[in-house]
Amino acid sequence: MFIVLSFMLAGIIVGYLLRSKKIRFFQGLIITLIWLLLFLLGLEIGANKEVVSQFGKLGLEAFIIAAGGTLGSVLAAKFLWKKVERNKKDKKS
């Protein structure tokens, strides 16, 4: 856990130091890495016989919780994005 937090802190520091520079390829790189991580997670789950055998027991409730969490994350991200864009427009005026 300490390693994960250290990497996050290092990323925050580097991001803070590079905030004035426009690095265009980061957005595409991040999206590609997220898709890769999701694929690898699915691969790991699909290869685990115990998890696959328990899919029937997970049921609708687990799907609803996962869908609700995803929907909540998407809505929160959309709200935050609109707020950031609004702040950018206000600063330009």
Protein backbone atom coordinates (compact mmCIF):
# COMPACT_ATOMS: atom_id res chain seq x y z
CA MET A 1 0.00 0.00 0.00
CA PHE A 2 2.89 2.34 0.78
CA ILE A 3 4.27 1.80 -2.73
CA VAL A 4 0.93 2.73 -4.33
CA LEU A 5 0.64 5.89 -2.26
CA SER A 6 4.27 6.78 -3.02
CA PHE A 7 3.64 6.49 -6.75
CA MET A 8 0.51 8.64 -6.45
CA LEU A 9 2.41 11.27 -4.48
CA ALA A 10 5.26 11.22 -7.02
CA GLY A 11 2.73 11.67 -9.84
CA ILE A 12 1.12 14.59 -8.06
CA ILE A 13 4.50 16.27 -7.54
CA VAL A 14 5.57 15.76 -11.17
CA GLY A 15 2.16 16.96 -12.37
CA TYR A 16 2.46 20.06 -10.20
CA LEU A 17 5.92 20.82 -11.58
CA LEU A 18 4.81 20.30 -15.20
CA ARG A 19 1.43 22.04 -14.93
CA SER A 20 2.46 24.96 -17.14
CA LYS A 21 3.56 22.70 -20.00
CA LYS A 22 1.12 21.33 -22.59
CA ILE A 23 1.81 17.62 -22.95
CA ARG A 24 -0.71 16.52 -25.57
CA PHE A 25 -0.16 12.78 -25.69
CA PHE A 26 -0.95 12.17 -21.99
CA GLN A 27 -4.73 11.99 -22.45
CA GLY A 28 -4.48 9.32 -25.16
CA LEU A 29 -1.86 7.43 -23.18
CA ILE A 30 -3.99 7.45 -20.03
CA ILE A 31 -7.08 6.22 -21.88
CA THR A 32 -5.06 3.45 -23.54
CA LEU A 33 -3.60 2.36 -20.20
CA ILE A 34 -7.04 2.33 -18.55
CA TRP A 35 -8.41 0.10 -21.32
CA LEU A 36 -5.38 -2.17 -20.97
CA LEU A 37 -5.86 -2.42 -17.20
CA LEU A 38 -9.55 -3.25 -17.64
CA PHE A 39 -8.69 -5.93 -20.19
CA LEU A 40 -6.07 -7.46 -17.90
CA LEU A 41 -8.52 -7.40 -14.98
CA GLY A 42 -11.08 -9.24 -17.11
CA LEU A 43 -8.41 -11.71 -18.21
CA GLU A 44 -7.46 -12.38 -14.60
CA ILE A 45 -11.08 -12.85 -13.52
CA GLY A 46 -11.85 -15.11 -16.49
CA ALA A 47 -8.84 -17.29 -15.76
CA ASN A 48 -9.83 -17.77 -12.11
CA LYS A 49 -12.01 -20.91 -11.93
CA GLU A 50 -13.33 -20.08 -8.46
CA VAL A 51 -14.57 -16.64 -9.50
CA VAL A 52 -16.13 -17.90 -12.73
CA SER A 53 -17.89 -20.74 -10.91
CA GLN A 54 -19.42 -18.22 -8.47
CA PHE A 55 -20.91 -15.95 -11.15
CA GLY A 56 -24.34 -17.54 -10.69
CA LYS A 57 -24.31 -16.76 -6.98
CA LEU A 58 -23.37 -13.13 -7.49
CA GLY A 59 -26.72 -12.42 -9.07
CA LEU A 60 -28.58 -9.30 -9.93
CA GLU A 61 -27.70 -7.50 -6.71
CA ALA A 62 -23.98 -7.44 -7.53
CA PHE A 63 -24.75 -6.18 -11.04
CA ILE A 64 -26.94 -3.38 -9.67
CA ILE A 65 -24.25 -2.32 -7.19
CA ALA A 66 -21.59 -2.29 -9.91
CA ALA A 67 -23.82 -0.43 -12.37
CA GLY A 68 -24.81 2.09 -9.69
CA GLY A 69 -21.19 2.71 -8.76
CA THR A 70 -20.24 3.18 -12.40
CA LEU A 71 -23.17 5.50 -13.06
CA GLY A 72 -22.35 7.54 -9.96
CA SER A 73 -18.73 7.88 -11.06
CA VAL A 74 -19.72 8.97 -14.55
CA LEU A 75 -22.19 11.56 -13.24
CA ALA A 76 -19.68 12.91 -10.72
CA ALA A 77 -17.00 13.16 -13.42
CA LYS A 78 -19.41 14.97 -15.76
CA PHE A 79 -20.36 17.42 -13.01
CA LEU A 80 -16.71 18.05 -12.16
CA TRP A 81 -15.79 18.50 -15.83
CA LYS A 82 -18.55 21.10 -16.31
CA LYS A 83 -17.40 22.94 -13.18
CA VAL A 84 -13.77 23.00 -14.38
CA GLU A 85 -14.81 24.23 -17.83
CA ARG A 86 -17.00 26.93 -16.28
CA ASN A 87 -14.06 28.08 -14.11
CA LYS A 88 -11.81 28.23 -17.19
CA LYS A 89 -14.33 30.44 -19.00
CA ASP A 90 -14.67 32.71 -15.97
CA LYS A 91 -10.89 33.16 -15.74
CA LYS A 92 -10.63 34.05 -19.44
CA SER A 93 -13.26 36.79 -19.11
